Amino acid sequence: MSLRAAVNDHCKSCTYDNLAPGTWKQQVTLCSANECALYEVRPKTTYAIPESVLSYYGVKSASFQPQNESSMENKGE
């Protein structure tokens, strides 16, 4: 297993709740465990997270922007 796969698996098992709204990657992106050693390298979605998911987690949409969204738009993804 690669290091990236191991980090992804750890973050998914720690954060993902299949009964809560959002994909596992959306939920991990919104992770608030900033003291975690893996916080800075956690997997993050590059797509906009739906308002319904943001509001469920109490995140204001204006304060949240996926890091790579603009760079992905330039690549046509």
Foldseek 3Di string as FASTA:
>chain_A
DDPLVVLAVVLLVVFDDPVADDDSQCRSQVDPPVVDPCNVVHRHDLDQDDPVNCVVVPHDSVVDHRPCVVVVVVVVD
